[in-house]
PDB file of N, CA and C in Angstrom:
ATOM      1  N   MET A   1      83.923  16.016 -39.431  1.00  0.00           N
ATOM      2  CA  MET A   1      83.818  16.929 -37.690  1.00  0.00           C
ATOM      3  C   MET A   1      85.079  15.931 -37.578  1.00  0.00           C
ATOM      4  N   SER A   2      85.745  15.842 -38.358  1.00  0.00           N
ATOM      5  CA  SER A   2      86.901  14.350 -37.829  1.00  0.00           C
ATOM      6  C   SER A   2      88.183  14.455 -36.739  1.00  0.00           C
ATOM      7  N   ASP A   3      87.655  15.935 -36.468  1.00  0.00           N
ATOM      8  CA  ASP A   3      89.188  16.093 -34.729  1.00  0.00           C
ATOM      9  C   ASP A   3      88.061  16.334 -33.870  1.00  0.00           C
ATOM     10  N   TYR A   4      86.642  15.671 -33.869  1.00  0.00           N
ATOM     11  CA  TYR A   4      85.744  16.469 -32.740  1.00  0.00           C
ATOM     12  C   TYR A   4      86.382  16.045 -31.039  1.00  0.00           C
ATOM     13  N   SER A   5      86.571  16.507 -30.518  1.00  0.00           N
ATOM     14  CA  SER A   5      86.748  15.749 -28.816  1.00  0.00           C
ATOM     15  C   SER A   5      85.222  16.071 -28.204  1.00  0.00           C
ATOM     16  N   PHE A   6      84.645  15.630 -27.610  1.00  0.00           N
ATOM     17  CA  PHE A   6      83.364  15.333 -26.921  1.00  0.00           C
ATOM     18  C   PHE A   6      83.857  16.306 -25.714  1.00  0.00           C
ATOM     19  N   GLY A   7      82.600  17.126 -25.532  1.00  0.00           N
ATOM     20  CA  GLY A   7      82.344  18.388 -25.214  1.00  0.00           C
ATOM     21  C   GLY A   7      81.764  18.323 -23.993  1.00  0.00           C
ATOM     22  N   GLY A   8      81.011  17.017 -23.341  1.00  0.00           N
ATOM     23  CA  GLY A   8      79.907  16.744 -22.470  1.00  0.00           C
ATOM     24  C   GLY A   8      78.706  17.226 -22.707  1.00  0.00           C
ATOM     25  N   ALA A   9      77.804  17.101 -21.906  1.00  0.00           N
ATOM     26  CA  ALA A   9      76.412  17.764 -22.203  1.00  0.00           C
ATOM     27  C   ALA A   9      76.443  18.855 -22.727  1.00  0.00           C
ATOM     28  N   ALA A  10      77.202  19.679 -23.159  1.00  0.00           N
ATOM     29  CA  ALA A  10      76.872  21.219 -23.838  1.00  0.00           C
ATOM     30  C   ALA A  10      77.035  20.830 -25.388  1.00  0.00           C
ATOM     31  N   ASP A  11      77.585  19.744 -25.201  1.00  0.00           N
ATOM     32  CA  ASP A  11      77.397  19.262 -26.588  1.00  0.00           C
ATOM     33  C   ASP A  11      76.104  19.297 -27.612  1.00  0.00           C
ATOM     34  N   ILE A  12      75.904  17.619 -26.054  1.00  0.00           N
ATOM     35  CA  ILE A  12      74.376  16.705 -26.169  1.00  0.00           C
ATOM     36  C   ILE A  12      73.562  17.917 -26.657  1.00  0.00           C
ATOM     37  N   ASP A  13      73.393  18.611 -25.347  1.00  0.00           N
ATOM     38  CA  ASP A  13      72.614  19.606 -25.816  1.00  0.00           C
ATOM     39  C   ASP A  13      72.262  20.184 -26.639  1.00  0.00           C
ATOM     40  N   ARG A  14      73.552  20.967 -27.274  1.00  0.00           N
ATOM     41  CA  ARG A  14      73.726  21.633 -28.978  1.00  0.00           C
ATOM     42  C   ARG A  14      72.588  20.983 -29.309  1.00  0.00           C
ATOM     43  N   ALA A  15      72.744  19.747 -30.019  1.00  0.00           N
ATOM     44  CA  ALA A  15      72.506  18.727 -30.729  1.00  0.00           C
ATOM     45  C   ALA A  15      71.308  18.216 -30.223  1.00  0.00           C
ATOM     46  N   ILE A  16      70.863  17.999 -29.535  1.00  0.00           N
ATOM     47  CA  ILE A  16      69.374  18.264 -29.279  1.00  0.00           C
ATOM     48  C   ILE A  16      68.207  18.923 -30.130  1.00  0.00           C
ATOM     49  N   GLY A  17      69.339  20.183 -28.868  1.00  0.00           N
ATOM     50  CA  GLY A  17      68.772  21.593 -29.661  1.00  0.00           C
ATOM     51  C   GLY A  17      67.849  21.543 -31.835  1.00  0.00           C
ATOM     52  N   PHE A  18      69.765  21.130 -32.666  1.00  0.00           N
ATOM     53  CA  PHE A  18      69.302  21.084 -33.547  1.00  0.00           C
ATOM     54  C   PHE A  18      68.823  19.802 -33.861  1.00  0.00           C
ATOM     55  N   LEU A  19      67.980  18.687 -33.061  1.00  0.00           N
ATOM     56  CA  LEU A  19      67.460  17.871 -34.096  1.00  0.00           C
ATOM     57  C   LEU A  19      65.971  18.649 -33.953  1.00  0.00           C
ATOM     58  N   VAL A  20      65.700  18.765 -32.837  1.00  0.00           N
ATOM     59  CA  VAL A  20      64.454  19.516 -31.895  1.00  0.00           C
ATOM     60  C   VAL A  20      63.660  20.309 -33.062  1.00  0.00           C
ATOM     61  N   SER A  21      64.725  21.140 -33.641  1.00  0.00           N
ATOM     62  CA  SER A  21      64.395  22.281 -34.804  1.00  0.00           C
ATOM     63  C   SER A  21      64.411  21.052 -35.922  1.00  0.00           C
ATOM     64  N   LEU A  22      65.246  20.284 -36.799  1.00  0.00           N
ATOM     65  CA  LEU A  22      64.595  19.888 -37.754  1.00  0.00           C
ATOM     66  C   LEU A  22      63.394  18.884 -37.587  1.00  0.00           C
ATOM     67  N   ASP A  23      63.606  18.148 -36.085  1.00  0.00           N
ATOM     68  CA  ASP A  23      62.129  17.139 -36.249  1.00  0.00           C
ATOM     69  C   ASP A  23      60.785  18.035 -36.543  1.00  0.00           C
ATOM     70  N   ASN A  24      60.571  19.566 -36.229  1.00  0.00           N
ATOM     71  CA  ASN A  24      59.424  20.566 -35.654  1.00  0.00           C
ATOM     72  C   ASN A  24      59.378  21.468 -37.031  1.00  0.00           C
ATOM     73  N   GLU A  25      60.275  21.385 -38.695  1.00  0.00           N
ATOM     74  CA  GLU A  25      60.286  21.324 -39.960  1.00  0.00           C
ATOM     75  C   GLU A  25      59.830  20.406 -40.642  1.00  0.00           C
ATOM     76  N   GLN A  26      60.271  18.507 -40.454  1.00  0.00           N
ATOM     77  CA  GLN A  26      59.710  18.170 -41.310  1.00  0.00           C
ATOM     78  C   GLN A  26      58.345  17.028 -41.481  1.00  0.00           C
ATOM     79  N   ARG A  27      58.018  17.743 -42.349  1.00  0.00           N
ATOM     80  CA  ARG A  27      56.744  17.221 -42.623  1.00  0.00           C
ATOM     81  C   ARG A  27      56.980  15.949 -43.102  1.00  0.00           C
ATOM     82  N   ASN A  28      57.907  13.833 -43.047  1.00  0.00           N
ATOM     83  CA  ASN A  28      57.795  12.880 -43.433  1.00  0.00           C
ATOM     84  C   ASN A  28      57.608  12.345 -42.405  1.00  0.00           C
ATOM     85  N   ALA A  29      57.340  11.760 -41.809  1.00  0.00           N
ATOM     86  CA  ALA A  29      56.499  10.961 -41.293  1.00  0.00           C
ATOM     87  C   ALA A  29      58.008   9.543 -40.064  1.00  0.00           C
ATOM     88  N   LEU A  30      58.085   9.009 -41.996  1.00  0.00           N
ATOM     89  CA  LEU A  30      59.118   8.416 -40.934  1.00  0.00           C
ATOM     90  C   LEU A  30      60.435   8.754 -40.910  1.00  0.00           C
ATOM     91  N   ALA A  31      60.104  10.269 -41.502  1.00  0.00           N
ATOM     92  CA  ALA A  31      61.731  11.039 -40.601  1.00  0.00           C
ATOM     93  C   ALA A  31      61.659  11.161 -39.508  1.00  0.00           C
ATOM     94  N   VAL A  32      60.223  12.197 -39.024  1.00  0.00           N
ATOM     95  CA  VAL A  32      60.794  12.170 -38.120  1.00  0.00           C
ATOM     96  C   VAL A  32      60.529  11.594 -36.845  1.00  0.00           C
ATOM     97  N   LEU A  33      60.389  10.193 -37.124  1.00  0.00           N
ATOM     98  CA  LEU A  33      60.218   8.973 -36.365  1.00  0.00           C
ATOM     99  C   LEU A  33      61.641   8.609 -35.822  1.00  0.00           C
ATOM    100  N   GLU A  34      62.804   8.780 -36.754  1.00  0.00           N
ATOM    101  CA  GLU A  34      64.204   8.684 -36.876  1.00  0.00           C
ATOM    102  C   GLU A  34      64.507  10.324 -35.852  1.00  0.00           C
ATOM    103  N   ILE A  35      64.287  11.076 -36.341  1.00  0.00           N
ATOM    104  CA  ILE A  35      64.512  11.966 -36.094  1.00  0.00           C
ATOM    105  C   ILE A  35      64.392  12.421 -33.859  1.00  0.00           C
ATOM    106  N   ASP A  36      62.822  11.361 -33.323  1.00  0.00           N
ATOM    107  CA  ASP A  36      62.712  11.099 -32.199  1.00  0.00           C
ATOM    108  C   ASP A  36      63.716  10.528 -31.258  1.00  0.00           C
ATOM    109  N   GLN A  37      64.092   8.834 -32.466  1.00  0.00           N
ATOM    110  CA  GLN A  37      64.923   7.843 -32.055  1.00  0.00           C
ATOM    111  C   GLN A  37      66.110   8.745 -31.669  1.00  0.00           C
ATOM    112  N   ALA A  38      66.735   9.505 -32.290  1.00  0.00           N
ATOM    113  CA  ALA A  38      67.490  10.439 -32.099  1.00  0.00           C
ATOM    114  C   ALA A  38      67.571  10.854 -30.955  1.00  0.00           C
ATOM    115  N   ILE A  39      67.180  12.316 -30.904  1.00  0.00           N
ATOM    116  CA  ILE A  39      67.030  12.879 -29.816  1.00  0.00           C
ATOM    117  C   ILE A  39      66.463  11.633 -28.575  1.00  0.00           C
ATOM    118  N   ASP A  40      65.633  10.903 -28.389  1.00  0.00           N
ATOM    119  CA  ASP A  40      65.512  10.092 -27.034  1.00  0.00           C
ATOM    120  C   ASP A  40      67.339   9.971 -27.039  1.00  0.00           C
ATOM    121  N   GLU A  41      67.571   9.173 -27.933  1.00  0.00           N
ATOM    122  CA  GLU A  41      69.729   8.450 -27.401  1.00  0.00           C
ATOM    123  C   GLU A  41      70.323  10.103 -26.936  1.00  0.00           C
ATOM    124  N   LEU A  42      69.810  11.168 -28.099  1.00  0.00           N
ATOM    125  CA  LEU A  42      70.755  12.074 -27.305  1.00  0.00           C
ATOM    126  C   LEU A  42      70.212  12.438 -24.992  1.00  0.00           C
ATOM    127  N   GLN A  43      69.042  12.329 -25.009  1.00  0.00           N
ATOM    128  CA  GLN A  43      68.190  12.298 -24.153  1.00  0.00           C
ATOM    129  C   GLN A  43      69.768  11.059 -23.151  1.00  0.00           C
ATOM    130  N   ALA A  44      68.938   9.754 -23.798  1.00  0.00           N
ATOM    131  CA  ALA A  44      69.273   9.662 -21.951  1.00  0.00           C
ATOM    132  C   ALA A  44      70.500   9.406 -22.340  1.00  0.00           C
ATOM    133  N   GLU A  45      71.971  10.243 -23.005  1.00  0.00           N
ATOM    134  CA  GLU A  45      73.214   9.900 -22.823  1.00  0.00           C
ATOM    135  C   GLU A  45      73.049  10.848 -21.668  1.00  0.00           C
ATOM    136  N   TYR A  46      72.264  12.192 -21.958  1.00  0.00           N
ATOM    137  CA  TYR A  46      72.456  14.011 -21.683  1.00  0.00           C
ATOM    138  C   TYR A  46      72.874  14.013 -20.315  1.00  0.00           C
ATOM    139  N   VAL A  47      71.580  12.495 -19.802  1.00  0.00           N
ATOM    140  CA  VAL A  47      71.303  12.280 -18.379  1.00  0.00           C
ATOM    141  C   VAL A  47      72.134  11.354 -17.723  1.00  0.00           C
ATOM    142  N   LYS A  48      73.032  10.558 -18.542  1.00  0.00           N
ATOM    143  CA  LYS A  48      74.114   9.449 -17.842  1.00  0.00           C
ATOM    144  C   LYS A  48      75.210  11.446 -17.490  1.00  0.00           C
ATOM    145  N   VAL A  49      75.585  11.569 -18.973  1.00  0.00           N
ATOM    146  CA  VAL A  49      76.837  12.692 -18.386  1.00  0.00           C
ATOM    147  C   VAL A  49      76.355  13.766 -17.078  1.00  0.00           C
ATOM    148  N   GLN A  50      75.128  14.055 -16.865  1.00  0.00           N
ATOM    149  CA  GLN A  50      74.673  15.079 -16.110  1.00  0.00           C
ATOM    150  C   GLN A  50      74.875  14.579 -14.109  1.00  0.00           C
ATOM    151  N   ALA A  51      74.273  13.446 -14.736  1.00  0.00           N
ATOM    152  CA  ALA A  51      74.877  12.029 -12.677  1.00  0.00           C
ATOM    153  C   ALA A  51      76.454  12.064 -13.428  1.00  0.00           C
ATOM    154  N   ASP A  52      76.905  12.391 -13.648  1.00  0.00           N
ATOM    155  CA  ASP A  52      78.102  11.430 -14.186  1.00  0.00           C
ATOM    156  C   ASP A  52      78.804  12.519 -15.023  1.00  0.00           C
ATOM    157  N   PRO A  53      79.821  13.902 -14.570  1.00  0.00           N
ATOM    158  CA  PRO A  53      80.382  14.204 -15.990  1.00  0.00           C
ATOM    159  C   PRO A  53      81.869  13.712 -16.609  1.00  0.00           C
ATOM    160  N   SER A  54      82.306  12.497 -15.357  1.00  0.00           N
ATOM    161  CA  SER A  54      83.530  11.988 -16.303  1.00  0.00           C
ATOM    162  C   SER A  54      83.092  10.719 -16.786  1.00  0.00           C
ATOM    163  N   HIS A  55      81.478  10.410 -17.002  1.00  0.00           N
ATOM    164  CA  HIS A  55      80.939   9.845 -17.836  1.00  0.00           C
ATOM    165  C   HIS A  55      81.787   9.809 -19.935  1.00  0.00           C
ATOM    166  N   VAL A  56      82.132   8.728 -20.193  1.00  0.00           N
ATOM    167  CA  VAL A  56      82.143   8.515 -21.830  1.00  0.00           C
ATOM    168  C   VAL A  56      81.480   7.923 -22.608  1.00  0.00           C
ATOM    169  N   PRO A  57      80.690   8.675 -23.674  1.00  0.00           N
ATOM    170  CA  PRO A  57      79.603   8.280 -24.663  1.00  0.00           C
ATOM    171  C   PRO A  57      80.693   6.925 -25.826  1.00  0.00           C
ATOM    172  N   SER A  58      80.257   5.892 -25.859  1.00  0.00           N
ATOM    173  CA  SER A  58      80.650   5.113 -27.150  1.00  0.00           C
ATOM    174  C   SER A  58      81.753   5.750 -27.808  1.00  0.00           C
ATOM    175  N   ASN A  59      81.841   5.247 -29.108  1.00  0.00           N
ATOM    176  CA  ASN A  59      82.645   5.502 -30.320  1.00  0.00           C
ATOM    177  C   ASN A  59      81.227   5.986 -31.281  1.00  0.00           C
ATOM    178  N   GLU A  60      80.997   4.708 -30.847  1.00  0.00           N
ATOM    179  CA  GLU A  60      79.538   5.036 -31.898  1.00  0.00           C
ATOM    180  C   GLU A  60      78.456   6.840 -31.341  1.00  0.00           C
ATOM    181  N   PHE A  61      78.239   6.959 -29.972  1.00  0.00           N
ATOM    182  CA  PHE A  61      77.525   7.862 -30.279  1.00  0.00           C
ATOM    183  C   PHE A  61      77.993   9.005 -30.541  1.00  0.00           C
ATOM    184  N   ILE A  62      79.508   9.272 -30.182  1.00  0.00           N
ATOM    185  CA  ILE A  62      80.700  10.314 -30.068  1.00  0.00           C
ATOM    186  C   ILE A  62      80.451  10.739 -31.523  1.00  0.00           C
ATOM    187  N   ALA A  63      80.544   8.872 -33.059  1.00  0.00           N
ATOM    188  CA  ALA A  63      80.742   9.893 -33.924  1.00  0.00           C
ATOM    189  C   ALA A  63      79.369  10.067 -34.742  1.00  0.00           C
ATOM    190  N   ALA A  64      78.144   9.893 -34.523  1.00  0.00           N
ATOM    191  CA  ALA A  64      77.051  10.379 -34.219  1.00  0.00           C
ATOM    192  C   ALA A  64      76.917  11.800 -33.844  1.00  0.00           C
ATOM    193  N   LEU A  65      77.421  12.575 -32.561  1.00  0.00           N
ATOM    194  CA  LEU A  65      76.989  13.388 -32.339  1.00  0.00           C
ATOM    195  C   LEU A  65      77.921  14.152 -32.906  1.00  0.00           C
ATOM    196  N   SER A  66      78.908  13.818 -33.833  1.00  0.00           N
ATOM    197  CA  SER A  66      79.864  14.937 -33.926  1.00  0.00           C
ATOM    198  C   SER A  66      78.771  15.115 -34.182  1.00  0.00           C
ATOM    199  N   GLY A  67      78.184  13.757 -36.076  1.00  0.00           N
ATOM    200  CA  GLY A  67      77.510  14.479 -37.389  1.00  0.00           C
ATOM    201  C   GLY A  67      76.234  15.542 -37.018  1.00  0.00           C
ATOM    202  N   TYR A  68      75.939  15.369 -35.737  1.00  0.00           N
ATOM    203  CA  TYR A  68      74.493  15.981 -35.860  1.00  0.00           C
ATOM    204  C   TYR A  68      74.807  17.936 -35.748  1.00  0.00           C
ATOM    205  N   LEU A  69      76.711  17.726 -34.715  1.00  0.00           N
ATOM    206  CA  LEU A  69      77.029  18.980 -34.377  1.00  0.00           C
ATOM    207  C   LEU A  69      77.492  19.839 -35.823  1.00  0.00           C
ATOM    208  N   GLU A  70      77.896  18.982 -36.790  1.00  0.00           N
ATOM    209  CA  GLU A  70      78.808  20.004 -37.634  1.00  0.00           C
ATOM    210  C   GLU A  70      77.428  20.050 -38.838  1.00  0.00           C
ATOM    211  N   MET A  71      76.071  19.599 -38.669  1.00  0.00           N
ATOM    212  CA  MET A  71      74.307  19.666 -39.295  1.00  0.00           C
ATOM    213  C   MET A  71      74.655  20.580 -39.024  1.00  0.00           C
ATOM    214  N   ALA A  72      74.747  21.064 -37.580  1.00  0.00           N
ATOM    215  CA  ALA A  72      74.915  22.133 -37.309  1.00  0.00           C
ATOM    216  C   ALA A  72      75.074  23.166 -37.374  1.00  0.00           C
ATOM    217  N   ASP A  73      76.655  23.799 -37.358  1.00  0.00           N
ATOM    218  CA  ASP A  73      76.672  24.134 -37.848  1.00  0.00           C
ATOM    219  C   ASP A  73      76.936  24.621 -39.254  1.00  0.00           C
ATOM    220  N   ASP A  74      75.970  24.297 -39.949  1.00  0.00           N
ATOM    221  CA  ASP A  74      76.845  24.071 -41.375  1.00  0.00           C
ATOM    222  C   ASP A  74      74.650  24.969 -41.585  1.00  0.00           C
ATOM    223  N   ARG A  75      74.009  24.315 -40.930  1.00  0.00           N
ATOM    224  CA  ARG A  75      73.260  25.652 -40.574  1.00  0.00           C
ATOM    225  C   ARG A  75      73.409  26.299 -40.330  1.00  0.00           C
ATOM    226  N   GLU A  76      73.614  26.956 -39.606  1.00  0.00           N
ATOM    227  CA  GLU A  76      74.013  28.216 -38.621  1.00  0.00           C
ATOM    228  C   GLU A  76      74.823  28.985 -40.153  1.00  0.00           C
ATOM    229  N   ARG A  77      75.608  28.830 -40.559  1.00  0.00           N
ATOM    230  CA  ARG A  77      76.736  28.667 -41.456  1.00  0.00           C
ATOM    231  C   ARG A  77      75.853  29.889 -42.700  1.00  0.00           C
ATOM    232  N   GLN A  78      74.421  29.170 -42.976  1.00  0.00           N
ATOM    233  CA  GLN A  78      73.401  29.637 -44.302  1.00  0.00           C
ATOM    234  C   GLN A  78      73.288  30.971 -43.656  1.00  0.00           C
TER     235      GLN A  78
END
């Protein structure tokens, strides 16, 4: 998703939903912890964007978000 443009709270919410689904399917404890950490980071940024819609997350966050959304797209295509 190299041409990804941050879409605000809706994109973060979609990524959270994808990761929650992935978390529920996961059986590896380490993977669950990593997914939970990613969800926590997404939720924190979601709160910021909800409070201030003009807030733009860091480039690192946007890159990670883009990756999560790409994985969600891939899963939906299956």
